[in-house]
Amino acid sequence: MTTLKRHHAAGMPPEAYDQVIAAVAESQMGADGFVAHYGVVDGDGITVIEIWDSQAQHDKWFDANVRSLLPPGTPEPEFWEIRASRTK
């Protein structure tokens, strides 16, 4: 099931996000099930929105490549099933 991920890291400065994405961008582009990534400056931190073919594919890649790079106390991501999408 196609999944939308929202992951907000309160207090994460844009420069820290830039370092994390630089470290993982290549592996993410080749990850099984990866569709899209958006990083948004969101008030007090960074919010990442991603689309994956499944949450299981996301979790496998995330646990191996990102989790150890996040600041302590970063909350877990939230996931929703995508029922429909349209792009121009």
PDB file of N, CA and C in Angstrom:
ATOM      1  N   MET A   1       0.846  -1.167   0.000  1.00  0.00           N
ATOM      2  CA  MET A   1       0.000   0.000   0.000  1.00  0.00           C
ATOM      3  C   MET A   1       0.894   1.234   0.000  1.00  0.00           C
ATOM      4  N   THR A   2       0.656   2.161  -0.913  1.00  0.00           N
ATOM      5  CA  THR A   2       1.439   3.389  -1.001  1.00  0.00           C
ATOM      6  C   THR A   2       1.223   4.217   0.264  1.00  0.00           C
ATOM      7  N   THR A   3       2.324   4.760   0.785  1.00  0.00           N
ATOM      8  CA  THR A   3       2.314   5.393   2.087  1.00  0.00           C
ATOM      9  C   THR A   3       2.897   6.796   2.025  1.00  0.00           C
ATOM     10  N   LEU A   4       2.253   7.729   2.733  1.00  0.00           N
ATOM     11  CA  LEU A   4       2.794   9.063   2.923  1.00  0.00           C
ATOM     12  C   LEU A   4       3.365   9.127   4.328  1.00  0.00           C
ATOM     13  N   LYS A   5       4.596   9.621   4.427  1.00  0.00           N
ATOM     14  CA  LYS A   5       5.267   9.762   5.718  1.00  0.00           C
ATOM     15  C   LYS A   5       5.379  11.240   6.049  1.00  0.00           C
ATOM     16  N   ARG A   6       5.110  11.591   7.304  1.00  0.00           N
ATOM     17  CA  ARG A   6       5.373  12.933   7.824  1.00  0.00           C
ATOM     18  C   ARG A   6       6.257  12.756   9.044  1.00  0.00           C
ATOM     19  N   HIS A   7       7.383  13.474   9.034  1.00  0.00           N
ATOM     20  CA  HIS A   7       8.337  13.353  10.139  1.00  0.00           C
ATOM     21  C   HIS A   7       8.802  14.750  10.512  1.00  0.00           C
ATOM     22  N   HIS A   8       8.347  15.246  11.665  1.00  0.00           N
ATOM     23  CA  HIS A   8       8.713  16.589  12.111  1.00  0.00           C
ATOM     24  C   HIS A   8       9.817  16.493  13.159  1.00  0.00           C
ATOM     25  N   ALA A   9      10.886  17.235  12.920  1.00  0.00           N
ATOM     26  CA  ALA A   9      11.995  17.310  13.880  1.00  0.00           C
ATOM     27  C   ALA A   9      12.031  18.723  14.440  1.00  0.00           C
ATOM     28  N   ALA A  10      11.329  18.929  15.559  1.00  0.00           N
ATOM     29  CA  ALA A  10      11.303  20.244  16.200  1.00  0.00           C
ATOM     30  C   ALA A  10      12.714  20.632  16.627  1.00  0.00           C
ATOM     31  N   GLY A  11      13.057  21.883  16.379  1.00  0.00           N
ATOM     32  CA  GLY A  11      14.359  22.387  16.804  1.00  0.00           C
ATOM     33  C   GLY A  11      15.507  22.040  15.870  1.00  0.00           C
ATOM     34  N   MET A  12      15.257  21.276  14.826  1.00  0.00           N
ATOM     35  CA  MET A  12      16.339  20.920  13.904  1.00  0.00           C
ATOM     36  C   MET A  12      16.591  22.092  12.967  1.00  0.00           C
ATOM     37  N   PRO A  13      17.798  22.662  13.003  1.00  0.00           N
ATOM     38  CA  PRO A  13      18.087  23.770  12.093  1.00  0.00           C
ATOM     39  C   PRO A  13      18.241  23.276  10.655  1.00  0.00           C
ATOM     40  N   PRO A  14      17.942  24.132   9.681  1.00  0.00           N
ATOM     41  CA  PRO A  14      18.072  23.731   8.280  1.00  0.00           C
ATOM     42  C   PRO A  14      19.456  23.178   7.937  1.00  0.00           C
ATOM     43  N   GLU A  15      20.487  23.703   8.560  1.00  0.00           N
ATOM     44  CA  GLU A  15      21.846  23.229   8.273  1.00  0.00           C
ATOM     45  C   GLU A  15      22.030  21.770   8.703  1.00  0.00           C
ATOM     46  N   ALA A  16      21.424  21.386   9.811  1.00  0.00           N
ATOM     47  CA  ALA A  16      21.513  19.992  10.261  1.00  0.00           C
ATOM     48  C   ALA A  16      20.761  19.073   9.302  1.00  0.00           C
ATOM     49  N   TYR A  17      19.589  19.523   8.841  1.00  0.00           N
ATOM     50  CA  TYR A  17      18.843  18.753   7.843  1.00  0.00           C
ATOM     51  C   TYR A  17      19.689  18.584   6.576  1.00  0.00           C
ATOM     52  N   ASP A  18      20.320  19.669   6.137  1.00  0.00           N
ATOM     53  CA  ASP A  18      21.147  19.612   4.928  1.00  0.00           C
ATOM     54  C   ASP A  18      22.240  18.553   5.063  1.00  0.00           C
ATOM     55  N   GLN A  19      22.835  18.445   6.248  1.00  0.00           N
ATOM     56  CA  GLN A  19      23.886  17.445   6.473  1.00  0.00           C
ATOM     57  C   GLN A  19      23.319  16.027   6.405  1.00  0.00           C
ATOM     58  N   VAL A  20      22.163  15.826   7.015  1.00  0.00           N
ATOM     59  CA  VAL A  20      21.557  14.487   7.003  1.00  0.00           C
ATOM     60  C   VAL A  20      21.183  14.094   5.579  1.00  0.00           C
ATOM     61  N   ILE A  21      20.507  14.982   4.855  1.00  0.00           N
ATOM     62  CA  ILE A  21      20.064  14.614   3.507  1.00  0.00           C
ATOM     63  C   ILE A  21      21.264  14.399   2.578  1.00  0.00           C
ATOM     64  N   ALA A  22      22.320  15.162   2.756  1.00  0.00           N
ATOM     65  CA  ALA A  22      23.524  14.955   1.936  1.00  0.00           C
ATOM     66  C   ALA A  22      24.121  13.571   2.181  1.00  0.00           C
ATOM     67  N   ALA A  23      24.043  13.106   3.423  1.00  0.00           N
ATOM     68  CA  ALA A  23      24.617  11.804   3.777  1.00  0.00           C
ATOM     69  C   ALA A  23      23.799  10.634   3.250  1.00  0.00           C
ATOM     70  N   VAL A  24      22.492  10.829   3.054  1.00  0.00           N
ATOM     71  CA  VAL A  24      21.628   9.693   2.710  1.00  0.00           C
ATOM     72  C   VAL A  24      20.956   9.791   1.347  1.00  0.00           C
ATOM     73  N   ALA A  25      21.083  10.915   0.661  1.00  0.00           N
ATOM     74  CA  ALA A  25      20.328  11.132  -0.585  1.00  0.00           C
ATOM     75  C   ALA A  25      20.582  10.034  -1.620  1.00  0.00           C
ATOM     76  N   GLU A  26      21.828   9.662  -1.815  1.00  0.00           N
ATOM     77  CA  GLU A  26      22.127   8.656  -2.845  1.00  0.00           C
ATOM     78  C   GLU A  26      21.507   7.303  -2.515  1.00  0.00           C
ATOM     79  N   SER A  27      21.620   6.890  -1.255  1.00  0.00           N
ATOM     80  CA  SER A  27      21.035   5.589  -0.900  1.00  0.00           C
ATOM     81  C   SER A  27      19.506   5.643  -0.972  1.00  0.00           C
ATOM     82  N   GLN A  28      18.927   6.800  -0.647  1.00  0.00           N
ATOM     83  CA  GLN A  28      17.471   6.913  -0.715  1.00  0.00           C
ATOM     84  C   GLN A  28      16.986   6.810  -2.154  1.00  0.00           C
ATOM     85  N   MET A  29      17.670   7.474  -3.073  1.00  0.00           N
ATOM     86  CA  MET A  29      17.258   7.438  -4.478  1.00  0.00           C
ATOM     87  C   MET A  29      17.240   6.010  -5.028  1.00  0.00           C
ATOM     88  N   GLY A  30      18.105   5.151  -4.503  1.00  0.00           N
ATOM     89  CA  GLY A  30      18.156   3.770  -4.959  1.00  0.00           C
ATOM     90  C   GLY A  30      17.390   2.792  -4.095  1.00  0.00           C
ATOM     91  N   ALA A  31      16.743   3.295  -3.045  1.00  0.00           N
ATOM     92  CA  ALA A  31      16.050   2.403  -2.103  1.00  0.00           C
ATOM     93  C   ALA A  31      14.811   1.785  -2.733  1.00  0.00           C
ATOM     94  N   ASP A  32      14.612   0.516  -2.461  1.00  0.00           N
ATOM     95  CA  ASP A  32      13.438  -0.193  -2.929  1.00  0.00           C
ATOM     96  C   ASP A  32      12.190   0.458  -2.347  1.00  0.00           C
ATOM     97  N   GLY A  33      11.271   0.885  -3.195  1.00  0.00           N
ATOM     98  CA  GLY A  33      10.008   1.457  -2.755  1.00  0.00           C
ATOM     99  C   GLY A  33       9.985   2.960  -2.604  1.00  0.00           C
ATOM    100  N   PHE A  34      11.135   3.631  -2.751  1.00  0.00           N
ATOM    101  CA  PHE A  34      11.163   5.087  -2.604  1.00  0.00           C
ATOM    102  C   PHE A  34      10.500   5.757  -3.806  1.00  0.00           C
ATOM    103  N   VAL A  35       9.662   6.783  -3.528  1.00  0.00           N
ATOM    104  CA  VAL A  35       8.981   7.520  -4.585  1.00  0.00           C
ATOM    105  C   VAL A  35       9.381   8.992  -4.586  1.00  0.00           C
ATOM    106  N   ALA A  36       9.285   9.677  -3.436  1.00  0.00           N
ATOM    107  CA  ALA A  36       9.548  11.121  -3.411  1.00  0.00           C
ATOM    108  C   ALA A  36       9.925  11.572  -2.005  1.00  0.00           C
ATOM    109  N   HIS A  37      10.678  12.686  -1.938  1.00  0.00           N
ATOM    110  CA  HIS A  37      11.103  13.289  -0.673  1.00  0.00           C
ATOM    111  C   HIS A  37      10.952  14.796  -0.774  1.00  0.00           C
ATOM    112  N   TYR A  38      10.411  15.404   0.289  1.00  0.00           N
ATOM    113  CA  TYR A  38      10.303  16.856   0.394  1.00  0.00           C
ATOM    114  C   TYR A  38      10.735  17.256   1.797  1.00  0.00           C
ATOM    115  N   GLY A  39      11.651  18.193   1.909  1.00  0.00           N
ATOM    116  CA  GLY A  39      12.075  18.730   3.194  1.00  0.00           C
ATOM    117  C   GLY A  39      11.576  20.163   3.307  1.00  0.00           C
ATOM    118  N   VAL A  40      10.842  20.468   4.377  1.00  0.00           N
ATOM    119  CA  VAL A  40      10.182  21.758   4.523  1.00  0.00           C
ATOM    120  C   VAL A  40      10.611  22.407   5.831  1.00  0.00           C
ATOM    121  N   VAL A  41      11.060  23.674   5.759  1.00  0.00           N
ATOM    122  CA  VAL A  41      11.291  24.431   6.979  1.00  0.00           C
ATOM    123  C   VAL A  41       9.917  24.741   7.556  1.00  0.00           C
ATOM    124  N   ASP A  42       9.701  24.301   8.799  1.00  0.00           N
ATOM    125  CA  ASP A  42       8.352  24.332   9.378  1.00  0.00           C
ATOM    126  C   ASP A  42       8.407  24.939  10.775  1.00  0.00           C
ATOM    127  N   GLY A  43       8.285  26.250  10.846  1.00  0.00           N
ATOM    128  CA  GLY A  43       8.243  26.935  12.131  1.00  0.00           C
ATOM    129  C   GLY A  43       9.465  26.683  12.982  1.00  0.00           C
ATOM    130  N   ASP A  44       9.360  25.725  13.880  1.00  0.00           N
ATOM    131  CA  ASP A  44      10.420  25.472  14.848  1.00  0.00           C
ATOM    132  C   ASP A  44      11.376  24.358  14.435  1.00  0.00           C
ATOM    133  N   GLY A  45      11.350  23.925  13.194  1.00  0.00           N
ATOM    134  CA  GLY A  45      12.234  22.833  12.791  1.00  0.00           C
ATOM    135  C   GLY A  45      12.038  22.466  11.335  1.00  0.00           C
ATOM    136  N   ILE A  46      12.211  21.202  11.063  1.00  0.00           N
ATOM    137  CA  ILE A  46      12.104  20.654   9.707  1.00  0.00           C
ATOM    138  C   ILE A  46      11.027  19.581   9.695  1.00  0.00           C
ATOM    139  N   THR A  47      10.208  19.594   8.649  1.00  0.00           N
ATOM    140  CA  THR A  47       9.269  18.504   8.429  1.00  0.00           C
ATOM    141  C   THR A  47       9.636  17.831   7.114  1.00  0.00           C
ATOM    142  N   VAL A  48       9.757  16.519   7.163  1.00  0.00           N
ATOM    143  CA  VAL A  48      10.033  15.719   5.977  1.00  0.00           C
ATOM    144  C   VAL A  48       8.743  15.018   5.573  1.00  0.00           C
ATOM    145  N   ILE A  49       8.401  15.152   4.308  1.00  0.00           N
ATOM    146  CA  ILE A  49       7.271  14.439   3.723  1.00  0.00           C
ATOM    147  C   ILE A  49       7.850  13.509   2.667  1.00  0.00           C
ATOM    148  N   GLU A  50       7.494  12.232   2.739  1.00  0.00           N
ATOM    149  CA  GLU A  50       7.979  11.266   1.753  1.00  0.00           C
ATOM    150  C   GLU A  50       6.836  10.375   1.304  1.00  0.00           C
ATOM    151  N   ILE A  51       7.003   9.818   0.122  1.00  0.00           N
ATOM    152  CA  ILE A  51       6.077   8.822  -0.393  1.00  0.00           C
ATOM    153  C   ILE A  51       6.886   7.559  -0.680  1.00  0.00           C
ATOM    154  N   TRP A  52       6.362   6.451  -0.192  1.00  0.00           N
ATOM    155  CA  TRP A  52       6.980   5.139  -0.360  1.00  0.00           C
ATOM    156  C   TRP A  52       5.924   4.152  -0.838  1.00  0.00           C
ATOM    157  N   ASP A  53       6.363   3.113  -1.517  1.00  0.00           N
ATOM    158  CA  ASP A  53       5.436   2.064  -1.941  1.00  0.00           C
ATOM    159  C   ASP A  53       4.824   1.356  -0.734  1.00  0.00           C
ATOM    160  N   SER A  54       5.581   1.272   0.367  1.00  0.00           N
ATOM    161  CA  SER A  54       5.035   0.672   1.593  1.00  0.00           C
ATOM    162  C   SER A  54       5.814   1.194   2.803  1.00  0.00           C
ATOM    163  N   GLN A  55       5.180   1.136   3.961  1.00  0.00           N
ATOM    164  CA  GLN A  55       5.859   1.540   5.181  1.00  0.00           C
ATOM    165  C   GLN A  55       7.006   0.584   5.504  1.00  0.00           C
ATOM    166  N   ALA A  56       6.838  -0.683   5.221  1.00  0.00           N
ATOM    167  CA  ALA A  56       7.899  -1.664   5.486  1.00  0.00           C
ATOM    168  C   ALA A  56       9.165  -1.329   4.705  1.00  0.00           C
ATOM    169  N   GLN A  57       9.019  -0.910   3.440  1.00  0.00           N
ATOM    170  CA  GLN A  57      10.194  -0.524   2.645  1.00  0.00           C
ATOM    171  C   GLN A  57      10.848   0.719   3.235  1.00  0.00           C
ATOM    172  N   HIS A  58      10.021   1.680   3.640  1.00  0.00           N
ATOM    173  CA  HIS A  58      10.564   2.872   4.301  1.00  0.00           C
ATOM    174  C   HIS A  58      11.336   2.478   5.556  1.00  0.00           C
ATOM    175  N   ASP A  59      10.712   1.695   6.419  1.00  0.00           N
ATOM    176  CA  ASP A  59      11.322   1.356   7.701  1.00  0.00           C
ATOM    177  C   ASP A  59      12.661   0.655   7.528  1.00  0.00           C
ATOM    178  N   LYS A  60      12.737  -0.250   6.570  1.00  0.00           N
ATOM    179  CA  LYS A  60      13.992  -0.972   6.325  1.00  0.00           C
ATOM    180  C   LYS A  60      15.101   0.005   5.951  1.00  0.00           C
ATOM    181  N   TRP A  61      14.816   0.926   5.029  1.00  0.00           N
ATOM    182  CA  TRP A  61      15.821   1.908   4.606  1.00  0.00           C
ATOM    183  C   TRP A  61      16.126   2.904   5.738  1.00  0.00           C
ATOM    184  N   PHE A  62      15.096   3.440   6.382  1.00  0.00           N
ATOM    185  CA  PHE A  62      15.247   4.446   7.428  1.00  0.00           C
ATOM    186  C   PHE A  62      16.089   3.922   8.583  1.00  0.00           C
ATOM    187  N   ASP A  63      15.786   2.720   9.040  1.00  0.00           N
ATOM    188  CA  ASP A  63      16.513   2.153  10.177  1.00  0.00           C
ATOM    189  C   ASP A  63      17.987   1.936   9.847  1.00  0.00           C
ATOM    190  N   ALA A  64      18.285   1.581   8.619  1.00  0.00           N
ATOM    191  CA  ALA A  64      19.672   1.318   8.221  1.00  0.00           C
ATOM    192  C   ALA A  64      20.448   2.588   7.888  1.00  0.00           C
ATOM    193  N   ASN A  65      19.768   3.669   7.504  1.00  0.00           N
ATOM    194  CA  ASN A  65      20.483   4.822   6.958  1.00  0.00           C
ATOM    195  C   ASN A  65      20.273   6.148   7.676  1.00  0.00           C
ATOM    196  N   VAL A  66      19.165   6.327   8.362  1.00  0.00           N
ATOM    197  CA  VAL A  66      18.833   7.650   8.906  1.00  0.00           C
ATOM    198  C   VAL A  66      18.769   7.685  10.425  1.00  0.00           C
ATOM    199  N   ARG A  67      18.183   6.687  11.011  1.00  0.00           N
ATOM    200  CA  ARG A  67      17.888   6.739  12.448  1.00  0.00           C
ATOM    201  C   ARG A  67      19.086   7.188  13.284  1.00  0.00           C
ATOM    202  N   SER A  68      20.249   6.670  13.028  1.00  0.00           N
ATOM    203  CA  SER A  68      21.431   7.001  13.844  1.00  0.00           C
ATOM    204  C   SER A  68      21.914   8.441  13.630  1.00  0.00           C
ATOM    205  N   LEU A  69      21.453   9.111  12.580  1.00  0.00           N
ATOM    206  CA  LEU A  69      21.880  10.484  12.295  1.00  0.00           C
ATOM    207  C   LEU A  69      20.983  11.538  12.934  1.00  0.00           C
ATOM    208  N   LEU A  70      19.836  11.130  13.470  1.00  0.00           N
ATOM    209  CA  LEU A  70      18.882  12.088  14.015  1.00  0.00           C
ATOM    210  C   LEU A  70      19.239  12.479  15.443  1.00  0.00           C
ATOM    211  N   PRO A  71      18.922  13.724  15.823  1.00  0.00           N
ATOM    212  CA  PRO A  71      19.184  14.150  17.198  1.00  0.00           C
ATOM    213  C   PRO A  71      18.381  13.319  18.196  1.00  0.00           C
ATOM    214  N   PRO A  72      18.919  13.113  19.388  1.00  0.00           N
ATOM    215  CA  PRO A  72      18.167  12.400  20.416  1.00  0.00           C
ATOM    216  C   PRO A  72      16.826  13.090  20.664  1.00  0.00           C
ATOM    217  N   GLY A  73      15.810  12.294  20.892  1.00  0.00           N
ATOM    218  CA  GLY A  73      14.490  12.840  21.170  1.00  0.00           C
ATOM    219  C   GLY A  73      13.648  13.140  19.951  1.00  0.00           C
ATOM    220  N   THR A  74      14.185  12.908  18.740  1.00  0.00           N
ATOM    221  CA  THR A  74      13.389  13.118  17.533  1.00  0.00           C
ATOM    222  C   THR A  74      12.223  12.139  17.558  1.00  0.00           C
ATOM    223  N   PRO A  75      10.994  12.641  17.416  1.00  0.00           N
ATOM    224  CA  PRO A  75       9.848  11.724  17.470  1.00  0.00           C
ATOM    225  C   PRO A  75       9.819  10.776  16.272  1.00  0.00           C
ATOM    226  N   GLU A  76       9.067   9.726  16.420  1.00  0.00           N
ATOM    227  CA  GLU A  76       8.896   8.766  15.331  1.00  0.00           C
ATOM    228  C   GLU A  76       8.059   9.392  14.215  1.00  0.00           C
ATOM    229  N   PRO A  77       8.280   8.979  12.971  1.00  0.00           N
ATOM    230  CA  PRO A  77       7.450   9.482  11.876  1.00  0.00           C
ATOM    231  C   PRO A  77       6.012   8.972  11.970  1.00  0.00           C
ATOM    232  N   GLU A  78       5.135   9.691  11.287  1.00  0.00           N
ATOM    233  CA  GLU A  78       3.730   9.290  11.174  1.00  0.00           C
ATOM    234  C   GLU A  78       3.492   8.832   9.733  1.00  0.00           C
ATOM    235  N   PHE A  79       2.562   7.902   9.541  1.00  0.00           N
ATOM    236  CA  PHE A  79       2.286   7.341   8.224  1.00  0.00           C
ATOM    237  C   PHE A  79       0.793   7.309   7.949  1.00  0.00           C
ATOM    238  N   TRP A  80       0.452   7.518   6.674  1.00  0.00           N
ATOM    239  CA  TRP A  80      -0.924   7.420   6.215  1.00  0.00           C
ATOM    240  C   TRP A  80      -0.952   6.685   4.882  1.00  0.00           C
ATOM    241  N   GLU A  81      -1.979   5.885   4.670  1.00  0.00           N
ATOM    242  CA  GLU A  81      -2.184   5.215   3.386  1.00  0.00           C
ATOM    243  C   GLU A  81      -2.659   6.246   2.355  1.00  0.00           C
ATOM    244  N   ILE A  82      -2.069   6.222   1.184  1.00  0.00           N
ATOM    245  CA  ILE A  82      -2.502   7.101   0.096  1.00  0.00           C
ATOM    246  C   ILE A  82      -3.570   6.357  -0.709  1.00  0.00           C
ATOM    247  N   ARG A  83      -4.743   6.929  -0.759  1.00  0.00           N
ATOM    248  CA  ARG A  83      -5.849   6.316  -1.494  1.00  0.00           C
ATOM    249  C   ARG A  83      -5.884   6.788  -2.942  1.00  0.00           C
ATOM    250  N   ALA A  84      -5.444   8.019  -3.183  1.00  0.00           N
ATOM    251  CA  ALA A  84      -5.450   8.571  -4.534  1.00  0.00           C
ATOM    252  C   ALA A  84      -4.410   9.687  -4.589  1.00  0.00           C
ATOM    253  N   SER A  85      -3.862   9.912  -5.766  1.00  0.00           N
ATOM    254  CA  SER A  85      -2.960  11.049  -5.955  1.00  0.00           C
ATOM    255  C   SER A  85      -3.049  11.512  -7.406  1.00  0.00           C
ATOM    256  N   ARG A  86      -2.749  12.772  -7.579  1.00  0.00           N
ATOM    257  CA  ARG A  86      -2.704  13.351  -8.927  1.00  0.00           C
ATOM    258  C   ARG A  86      -1.513  14.276  -8.979  1.00  0.00           C
ATOM    259  N   THR A  87      -0.823  14.296 -10.098  1.00  0.00           N
ATOM    260  CA  THR A  87       0.243  15.254 -10.315  1.00  0.00           C
ATOM    261  C   THR A  87       0.050  15.881 -11.673  1.00  0.00           C
ATOM    262  N   LYS A  88       0.547  17.045 -11.808  1.00  0.00           N
ATOM    263  CA  LYS A  88       0.417  17.753 -13.070  1.00  0.00           C
ATOM    264  C   LYS A  88       1.607  17.490 -13.951  1.00  0.00           C
TER     265      LYS A  88
END
